[in-house]
C-alpha atoms as a PDB file:
ATOM      1  CA  MET A   1       0.062  -0.040  -0.030  1.00  0.00           C
ATOM      2  CA  ALA A   2       1.398   3.424  -0.948  1.00  0.00           C
ATOM      3  CA  ILE A   3       2.237   6.019   1.766  1.00  0.00           C
ATOM      4  CA  LYS A   4       1.179   9.326   1.026  1.00  0.00           C
ATOM      5  CA  PHE A   5       3.325  12.578   2.010  1.00  0.00           C
ATOM      6  CA  LYS A   6       2.999  16.238   1.981  1.00  0.00           C
ATOM      7  CA  CYS A   7       5.809  18.442   0.780  1.00  0.00           C
ATOM      8  CA  LYS A   8       6.715  21.426   2.863  1.00  0.00           C
ATOM      9  CA  ALA A   9       7.840  23.407   0.199  1.00  0.00           C
ATOM     10  CA  CYS A  10       4.954  23.222  -2.220  1.00  0.00           C
ATOM     11  CA  ASN A  11       2.312  21.750   0.107  1.00  0.00           C
ATOM     12  CA  ALA A  12       1.939  18.940  -2.660  1.00  0.00           C
ATOM     13  CA  VAL A  13       0.444  15.586  -1.460  1.00  0.00           C
ATOM     14  CA  LYS A  14       2.365  12.482  -3.101  1.00  0.00           C
ATOM     15  CA  ALA A  15       2.311   8.936  -2.729  1.00  0.00           C
ATOM     16  CA  VAL A  16       5.494   7.040  -2.252  1.00  0.00           C
ATOM     17  CA  ASN A  17       6.362   3.088  -2.006  1.00  0.00           C
ATOM     18  CA  PRO A  18       6.701   1.913   1.554  1.00  0.00           C
ATOM     19  CA  ARG A  19       9.987   0.774   1.034  1.00  0.00           C
ATOM     20  CA  LEU A  20      11.290   4.372   0.946  1.00  0.00           C
ATOM     21  CA  LEU A  21      10.241   5.025   4.438  1.00  0.00           C
ATOM     22  CA  GLY A  22      12.897   6.600   6.239  1.00  0.00           C
ATOM     23  CA  ARG A  23      14.949   8.080   3.376  1.00  0.00           C
ATOM     24  CA  GLU A  24      15.416  11.654   1.898  1.00  0.00           C
ATOM     25  CA  ILE A  25      13.753  12.057  -1.697  1.00  0.00           C
ATOM     26  CA  LYS A  26      13.173  14.927  -3.928  1.00  0.00           C
ATOM     27  CA  CYS A  27       9.373  15.923  -4.199  1.00  0.00           C
ATOM     28  CA  PRO A  28       8.093  15.042  -7.680  1.00  0.00           C
ATOM     29  CA  GLU A  29       6.534  18.404  -7.682  1.00  0.00           C
ATOM     30  CA  CYS A  30       8.954  21.098  -7.029  1.00  0.00           C
ATOM     31  CA  GLY A  31      12.151  19.044  -6.523  1.00  0.00           C
ATOM     32  CA  ALA A  32      12.572  20.214  -3.007  1.00  0.00           C
ATOM     33  CA  PRO A  33      14.294  17.551  -0.506  1.00  0.00           C
ATOM     34  CA  VAL A  34      11.786  15.794   1.746  1.00  0.00           C
ATOM     35  CA  GLN A  35      12.612  13.435   4.696  1.00  0.00           C
ATOM     36  CA  LEU A  36      10.283  10.742   4.842  1.00  0.00           C
ATOM     37  CA  PRO A  37       9.305   8.932   8.241  1.00  0.00           C
ATOM     38  CA  THR A  38      10.265   5.773   9.331  1.00  0.00           C
ATOM     39  CA  ALA A  39       7.397   2.940   9.765  1.00  0.00           C
ATOM     40  CA  GLU A  40       7.860   3.247  13.613  1.00  0.00           C
ATOM     41  CA  GLN A  41       7.170   7.032  13.393  1.00  0.00           C
ATOM     42  CA  LEU A  42       4.194   6.471  11.130  1.00  0.00           C
ATOM     43  CA  GLU A  43       2.677   3.998  13.450  1.00  0.00           C
ATOM     44  CA  GLN A  44       2.900   6.076  16.602  1.00  0.00           C
ATOM     45  CA  SER A  45       1.459   9.199  14.746  1.00  0.00           C
ATOM     46  CA  LYS A  46      -1.529   6.765  13.933  1.00  0.00           C
ATOM     47  CA  ARG A  47      -1.811   6.055  17.299  1.00  0.00           C
ATOM     48  CA  ARG A  48      -1.722   9.672  18.804  1.00  0.00           C
ATOM     49  CA  GLU A  49      -3.980  10.940  16.204  1.00  0.00           C
ATOM     50  CA  PRO A  50      -7.774  10.746  16.856  1.00  0.00           C
ATOM     51  CA  ALA A  51     -10.407   9.366  14.708  1.00  0.00           C
ATOM     52  CA  GLY A  52     -11.755  12.948  13.546  1.00  0.00           C
ATOM     53  CA  GLU A  53      -8.128  14.238  12.992  1.00  0.00           C
ATOM     54  CA  VAL A  54      -7.781  11.121  10.539  1.00  0.00           C
ATOM     55  CA  GLU A  55     -10.773  12.000   8.829  1.00  0.00           C
ATOM     56  CA  LYS A  56      -9.667  15.606   8.448  1.00  0.00           C
ATOM     57  CA  SER A  57      -6.392  14.762   7.425  1.00  0.00           C
ATOM     58  CA  VAL A  58      -7.605  12.504   4.719  1.00  0.00           C
ATOM     59  CA  GLU A  59      -9.914  15.474   3.564  1.00  0.00           C
ATOM     60  CA  GLN A  60      -6.756  17.609   3.438  1.00  0.00           C
ATOM     61  CA  LEU A  61      -4.709  14.864   1.548  1.00  0.00           C
ATOM     62  CA  ALA A  62      -7.784  14.693  -1.038  1.00  0.00           C
ATOM     63  CA  LEU A  63      -8.237  18.398  -1.407  1.00  0.00           C
ATOM     64  CA  GLY A  64      -4.264  18.765  -1.788  1.00  0.00           C
ATOM     65  CA  LEU A  65      -4.258  16.059  -4.379  1.00  0.00           C
ATOM     66  CA  GLN A  66      -7.038  17.799  -6.471  1.00  0.00           C
ATOM     67  CA  GLN A  67      -5.186  21.135  -6.176  1.00  0.00           C
ATOM     68  CA  ALA A  68      -1.833  19.535  -7.376  1.00  0.00           C
ATOM     69  CA  THR A  69      -3.662  18.083 -10.656  1.00  0.00           C
ATOM     70  CA  LYS A  70      -4.956  21.651 -11.369  1.00  0.00           C
ATOM     71  CA  ARG A  71      -1.319  22.809 -10.895  1.00  0.00           C
ATOM     72  CA  ALA A  72      -0.222  20.509 -13.162  1.00  0.00           C
ATOM     73  CA  GLN A  73      -2.732  21.017 -15.914  1.00  0.00           C
ATOM     74  CA  ARG A  74      -1.990  24.695 -16.055  1.00  0.00           C
ATOM     75  CA  LYS A  75       1.779  23.904 -16.293  1.00  0.00           C
ATOM     76  CA  LYS A  76       1.120  21.573 -19.218  1.00  0.00           C
ATOM     77  CA  PRO A  77       1.319  23.647 -22.498  1.00  0.00           C
ATOM     78  CA  ARG A  78      -2.041  23.395 -24.545  1.00  0.00           C
ATOM     79  CA  THR A  79      -1.419  22.650 -28.117  1.00  0.00           C
ATOM     80  CA  SER A  80      -3.834  24.325 -30.344  1.00  0.00           C
ATOM     81  CA  ALA A  81      -4.987  22.623 -33.855  1.00  0.00           C
ATOM     82  CA  LYS A  82      -2.933  25.348 -35.878  1.00  0.00           C
ATOM     83  CA  GLN A  83       0.298  24.418 -34.004  1.00  0.00           C
ATOM     84  CA  ARG A  84      -0.391  20.698 -34.527  1.00  0.00           C
ATOM     85  CA  MET A  85      -1.033  21.137 -38.184  1.00  0.00           C
ATOM     86  CA  ALA A  86       2.087  23.227 -38.342  1.00  0.00           C
ATOM     87  CA  GLN A  87       4.005  20.346 -36.756  1.00  0.00           C
ATOM     88  CA  GLU A  88       2.746  17.816 -39.028  1.00  0.00           C
ATOM     89  CA  GLU A  89       3.557  19.945 -42.074  1.00  0.00           C
ATOM     90  CA  LYS A  90       7.041  20.400 -40.653  1.00  0.00           C
ATOM     91  CA  ALA A  91       7.472  16.764 -40.345  1.00  0.00           C
ATOM     92  CA  LEU A  92       6.337  16.050 -43.852  1.00  0.00           C
ATOM     93  CA  ALA A  93       8.679  18.509 -45.137  1.00  0.00           C
ATOM     94  CA  ALA A  94      11.498  17.054 -43.534  1.00  0.00           C
ATOM     95  CA  ALA A  95      10.931  13.622 -44.487  1.00  0.00           C
ATOM     96  CA  SER A  96      13.123  12.929 -47.413  1.00  0.00           C
ATOM     97  CA  ALA A  97      11.938  10.625 -50.261  1.00  0.00           C
ATOM     98  CA  SER A  98      14.357   9.172 -52.690  1.00  0.00           C
ATOM     99  CA  PHE A  99      13.325   9.327 -56.560  1.00  0.00           C
ATOM    100  CA  ALA A 100      16.656   7.706 -57.785  1.00  0.00           C
ATOM    101  CA  LYS A 101      16.038   5.307 -60.700  1.00  0.00           C
ATOM    102  CA  PRO A 102      17.173   1.870 -59.696  1.00  0.00           C
ATOM    103  CA  LYS A 103      19.835   0.528 -61.248  1.00  0.00           C
ATOM    104  CA  ALA A 104      19.634  -2.034 -63.892  1.00  0.00           C
ATOM    105  CA  PRO A 105      21.121  -5.386 -62.938  1.00  0.00           C
ATOM    106  CA  ALA A 106      24.561  -6.127 -64.421  1.00  0.00           C
ATOM    107  CA  ARG A 107      24.262  -8.526 -67.402  1.00  0.00           C
ATOM    108  CA  ASP A 108      27.145 -10.769 -68.817  1.00  0.00           C
ATOM    109  CA  ASP A 109      26.329  -9.798 -72.563  1.00  0.00           C
ATOM    110  CA  MET A 110      27.502  -6.986 -74.622  1.00  0.00           C
ATOM    111  CA  ASP A 111      24.817  -4.540 -75.959  1.00  0.00           C
ATOM    112  CA  MET A 112      25.707  -4.210 -79.697  1.00  0.00           C
ATOM    113  CA  THR A 113      23.071  -1.416 -80.193  1.00  0.00           C
ATOM    114  CA  PRO A 114      25.494   1.675 -79.618  1.00  0.00           C
ATOM    115  CA  MET A 115      27.886  -0.211 -82.064  1.00  0.00           C
ATOM    116  CA  VAL A 116      25.412  -0.448 -84.884  1.00  0.00           C
ATOM    117  CA  ASP A 117      24.366   3.361 -84.418  1.00  0.00           C
ATOM    118  CA  VAL A 118      27.937   4.275 -84.980  1.00  0.00           C
ATOM    119  CA  THR A 119      28.537   2.091 -87.780  1.00  0.00           C
ATOM    120  CA  PHE A 120      25.353   3.656 -89.516  1.00  0.00           C
ATOM    121  CA  LEU A 121      26.494   7.069 -88.597  1.00  0.00           C
ATOM    122  CA  LEU A 122      30.093   6.356 -90.130  1.00  0.00           C
ATOM    123  CA  LEU A 123      28.415   4.960 -93.277  1.00  0.00           C
ATOM    124  CA  ILE A 124      26.191   8.194 -93.843  1.00  0.00           C
ATOM    125  CA  PHE A 125      29.209  10.309 -93.309  1.00  0.00           C
ATOM    126  CA  PHE A 126      31.423   8.725 -96.009  1.00  0.00           C
ATOM    127  CA  MET A 127      28.490   8.896 -98.236  1.00  0.00           C
ATOM    128  CA  VAL A 128      28.219  12.503 -97.911  1.00  0.00           C
ATOM    129  CA  THR A 129      31.676  13.517 -98.014  1.00  0.00           C
ATOM    130  CA  ALA A 130      32.925  11.480-100.639  1.00  0.00           C
ATOM    131  CA  SER A 131      33.953  12.809-103.848  1.00  0.00           C
ATOM    132  CA  PHE A 132      32.731  11.514-107.295  1.00  0.00           C
ATOM    133  CA  SER A 133      34.978  11.655-110.247  1.00  0.00           C
ATOM    134  CA  VAL A 134      33.659  13.880-113.152  1.00  0.00           C
ATOM    135  CA  GLN A 135      33.974  12.420-116.543  1.00  0.00           C
ATOM    136  CA  LYS A 136      35.930  15.498-118.331  1.00  0.00           C
ATOM    137  CA  SER A 137      37.215  13.932-121.731  1.00  0.00           C
ATOM    138  CA  VAL A 138      34.926  13.356-124.674  1.00  0.00           C
ATOM    139  CA  PRO A 139      34.796   9.501-125.488  1.00  0.00           C
ATOM    140  CA  ARG A 140      36.678   8.291-128.490  1.00  0.00           C
ATOM    141  CA  PRO A 141      34.524   6.980-131.239  1.00  0.00           C
ATOM    142  CA  ALA A 142      34.423   3.289-132.360  1.00  0.00           C
ATOM    143  CA  PRO A 143      37.247   2.345-135.067  1.00  0.00           C
ATOM    144  CA  GLN A 144      35.671   2.291-138.518  1.00  0.00           C
ATOM    145  CA  GLU A 145      36.108  -0.763-140.688  1.00  0.00           C
ATOM    146  CA  GLN A 146      38.857  -1.164-142.942  1.00  0.00           C
ATOM    147  CA  ASP A 147      37.023  -2.790-145.862  1.00  0.00           C
ATOM    148  CA  PRO A 148      36.399  -0.416-148.819  1.00  0.00           C
ATOM    149  CA  SER A 149      33.185   1.489-148.615  1.00  0.00           C
ATOM    150  CA  THR A 150      30.662   1.564-151.282  1.00  0.00           C
ATOM    151  CA  ASN A 151      29.803   5.186-150.368  1.00  0.00           C
ATOM    152  CA  ALA A 152      31.075   8.070-152.380  1.00  0.00           C
ATOM    153  CA  VAL A 153      34.485   9.310-151.142  1.00  0.00           C
ATOM    154  CA  GLN A 154      33.954  12.940-149.465  1.00  0.00           C
ATOM    155  CA  ARG A 155      36.326  15.697-149.953  1.00  0.00           C
ATOM    156  CA  ASP A 156      38.858  16.270-147.576  1.00  0.00           C
ATOM    157  CA  PRO A 157      37.491  18.946-144.759  1.00  0.00           C
ATOM    158  CA  GLU A 158      40.411  21.193-145.152  1.00  0.00           C
ATOM    159  CA  ASP A 159      39.480  21.804-149.055  1.00  0.00           C
ATOM    160  CA  ASN A 160      35.806  21.914-148.309  1.00  0.00           C
ATOM    161  CA  PRO A 161      34.514  25.551-148.346  1.00  0.00           C
ATOM    162  CA  ASP A 162      31.270  24.381-146.574  1.00  0.00           C
ATOM    163  CA  ILE A 163      33.207  23.385-143.473  1.00  0.00           C
ATOM    164  CA  VAL A 164      34.694  25.220-140.700  1.00  0.00           C
ATOM    165  CA  ARG A 165      36.729  23.343-138.254  1.00  0.00           C
ATOM    166  CA  VAL A 166      37.273  24.229-134.565  1.00  0.00           C
ATOM    167  CA  GLN A 167      40.163  22.350-132.688  1.00  0.00           C
ATOM    168  CA  VAL A 168      40.142  22.290-128.999  1.00  0.00           C
ATOM    169  CA  ASP A 169      43.808  21.217-127.493  1.00  0.00           C
ATOM    170  CA  GLU A 170      44.733  19.619-124.484  1.00  0.00           C
ATOM    171  CA  TYR A 171      44.743  23.298-122.874  1.00  0.00           C
ATOM    172  CA  ASN A 172      41.082  23.705-123.730  1.00  0.00           C
ATOM    173  CA  ALA A 173      42.462  26.694-126.361  1.00  0.00           C
ATOM    174  CA  TYR A 174      40.590  27.013-129.556  1.00  0.00           C
ATOM    175  CA  ASN A 175      41.828  27.085-133.238  1.00  0.00           C
ATOM    176  CA  VAL A 176      39.457  27.848-135.808  1.00  0.00           C
ATOM    177  CA  ILE A 177      40.231  26.915-139.363  1.00  0.00           C
ATOM    178  CA  THR A 178      38.843  27.940-142.519  1.00  0.00           C
ATOM    179  CA  THR A 179      39.876  27.440-146.217  1.00  0.00           C
ATOM    180  CA  ASP A 180      41.190  31.030-146.309  1.00  0.00           C
ATOM    181  CA  TRP A 181      42.624  31.131-142.582  1.00  0.00           C
ATOM    182  CA  ASP A 182      42.805  29.775-139.248  1.00  0.00           C
ATOM    183  CA  ARG A 183      43.229  31.875-135.960  1.00  0.00           C
ATOM    184  CA  VAL A 184      44.081  30.833-132.457  1.00  0.00           C
ATOM    185  CA  VAL A 185      41.405  32.051-129.533  1.00  0.00           C
ATOM    186  CA  GLY A 186      41.582  31.486-126.010  1.00  0.00           C
ATOM    187  CA  SER A 187      37.970  32.498-124.732  1.00  0.00           C
ATOM    188  CA  LYS A 188      34.181  31.593-125.582  1.00  0.00           C
ATOM    189  CA  GLN A 189      33.864  35.508-126.793  1.00  0.00           C
ATOM    190  CA  ASP A 190      36.564  35.331-129.091  1.00  0.00           C
ATOM    191  CA  LEU A 191      35.438  32.088-130.400  1.00  0.00           C
ATOM    192  CA  ILE A 192      32.166  33.210-131.087  1.00  0.00           C
ATOM    193  CA  GLY A 193      33.754  36.365-133.230  1.00  0.00           C
ATOM    194  CA  ALA A 194      35.810  34.151-135.170  1.00  0.00           C
ATOM    195  CA  LEU A 195      32.754  31.502-136.119  1.00  0.00           C
ATOM    196  CA  GLY A 196      30.711  34.573-136.923  1.00  0.00           C
ATOM    197  CA  GLU A 197      33.478  35.821-139.545  1.00  0.00           C
ATOM    198  CA  ALA A 198      33.908  32.388-140.710  1.00  0.00           C
ATOM    199  CA  HIS A 199      30.168  31.781-141.284  1.00  0.00           C
ATOM    200  CA  GLU A 200      30.015  34.974-143.498  1.00  0.00           C
ATOM    201  CA  GLY A 201      31.834  33.365-146.253  1.00  0.00           C
ATOM    202  CA  ASP A 202      35.035  33.128-148.093  1.00  0.00           C
ATOM    203  CA  GLN A 203      36.542  35.153-150.744  1.00  0.00           C
ATOM    204  CA  SER A 204      34.953  33.046-153.523  1.00  0.00           C
ATOM    205  CA  GLY A 205      31.468  34.071-151.670  1.00  0.00           C
ATOM    206  CA  ASN A 206      31.078  30.360-150.235  1.00  0.00           C
ATOM    207  CA  GLN A 207      29.231  30.442-146.943  1.00  0.00           C
ATOM    208  CA  PRO A 208      29.853  27.570-144.558  1.00  0.00           C
ATOM    209  CA  THR A 209      27.099  25.761-142.999  1.00  0.00           C
ATOM    210  CA  LYS A 210      28.819  22.848-140.948  1.00  0.00           C
ATOM    211  CA  LEU A 211      30.832  22.955-138.089  1.00  0.00           C
ATOM    212  CA  ILE A 212      33.369  20.046-136.969  1.00  0.00           C
ATOM    213  CA  VAL A 213      34.538  20.254-133.257  1.00  0.00           C
ATOM    214  CA  GLU A 214      38.051  18.363-133.139  1.00  0.00           C
ATOM    215  CA  ALA A 215      38.475  17.513-129.556  1.00  0.00           C
ATOM    216  CA  HIS A 216      41.771  16.488-127.710  1.00  0.00           C
ATOM    217  CA  GLU A 217      41.265  13.372-125.567  1.00  0.00           C
ATOM    218  CA  GLU A 218      42.583  15.313-122.650  1.00  0.00           C
ATOM    219  CA  CYS A 219      40.385  18.322-122.948  1.00  0.00           C
ATOM    220  CA  ILE A 220      37.478  19.096-120.945  1.00  0.00           C
ATOM    221  CA  HIS A 221      33.985  18.331-121.999  1.00  0.00           C
ATOM    222  CA  ALA A 222      32.951  21.982-120.806  1.00  0.00           C
ATOM    223  CA  ALA A 223      35.387  23.035-123.621  1.00  0.00           C
ATOM    224  CA  VAL A 224      33.496  21.075-126.125  1.00  0.00           C
ATOM    225  CA  ILE A 225      30.221  22.237-125.107  1.00  0.00           C
ATOM    226  CA  ALA A 226      31.180  25.963-125.384  1.00  0.00           C
ATOM    227  CA  ALA A 227      32.513  25.459-128.997  1.00  0.00           C
ATOM    228  CA  LEU A 228      29.074  24.142-130.001  1.00  0.00           C
ATOM    229  CA  ASP A 229      27.374  27.045-128.430  1.00  0.00           C
ATOM    230  CA  ALA A 230      29.753  29.332-130.002  1.00  0.00           C
ATOM    231  CA  GLY A 231      28.641  27.401-133.399  1.00  0.00           C
ATOM    232  CA  ARG A 232      24.936  27.849-132.695  1.00  0.00           C
ATOM    233  CA  GLU A 233      25.246  31.547-131.992  1.00  0.00           C
ATOM    234  CA  ALA A 234      27.280  32.042-135.328  1.00  0.00           C
ATOM    235  CA  ASN A 235      24.289  30.408-136.843  1.00  0.00           C
ATOM    236  CA  PHE A 236      25.985  27.011-138.241  1.00  0.00           C
ATOM    237  CA  ALA A 237      23.304  24.437-139.429  1.00  0.00           C
ATOM    238  CA  THR A 238      24.810  21.140-138.825  1.00  0.00           C
ATOM    239  CA  PHE A 239      27.640  19.965-136.095  1.00  0.00           C
ATOM    240  CA  GLU A 240      29.938  17.039-135.940  1.00  0.00           C
ATOM    241  CA  ILE A 241      32.338  16.154-132.987  1.00  0.00           C
ATOM    242  CA  THR A 242      35.681  14.241-133.153  1.00  0.00           C
ATOM    243  CA  THR A 243      38.352  13.183-130.832  1.00  0.00           C
ATOM    244  CA  VAL A 244      42.175  13.009-131.856  1.00  0.00           C
ATOM    245  CA  GLU A 245      45.163  11.856-129.861  1.00  0.00           C
ATOM    246  CA  GLN A 246      47.493  14.636-131.218  1.00  0.00           C
ATOM    247  CA  PHE A 247      47.010  17.596-133.583  1.00  0.00           C
ATOM    248  CA  ASP A 248      49.413  18.028-136.431  1.00  0.00           C
END
């Protein structure tokens, strides 16, 4: 059975274990030292105390216990609803969550997808940056048969007043040859002027209508096309292209 005592410092009535009788303890309410009576002293005080005093002391003890409870309730801080919500929000904000993607398990086989992508990228790069060779020379005509021809023998172009020849050498320069004169020109404009003069006719009044372009096998294709364009501007009617290995 617990033994009750009254603190002289704060008048609080507390209950203690009978085993602590005769010892000095601290008041649980105020912390002041309290000397507890021994079991013999407690027994003697019960014998001397009349019955009415015992009931009065019991009432005082009950009253003191009620007062001590009220004081304890006053000291305990009350937490409002807003404070509790604020504390919960702080706790949620302080909580940390990890959103890191879990690592894939290690596999022994090798993933070939990146290597295939690199191969395709290199293939596209080489296709875009590769340079293609351009055909610059005029193809040589097929050799003619050595059998005698049944067709009529044509006149040599050098002696034919109806033909004007333009030689394109390996340096892409032009040489205009007619039955009366020959002239070396270096540009397309000079070639147009020379062919226009040749198309007007020779001293005998013959007006040529055919232009033969003799292209060296090492000249560029653009030079041959420029000679044909100049002949069209000079109003020649027919054109012929031949290739030669070397000019005389």
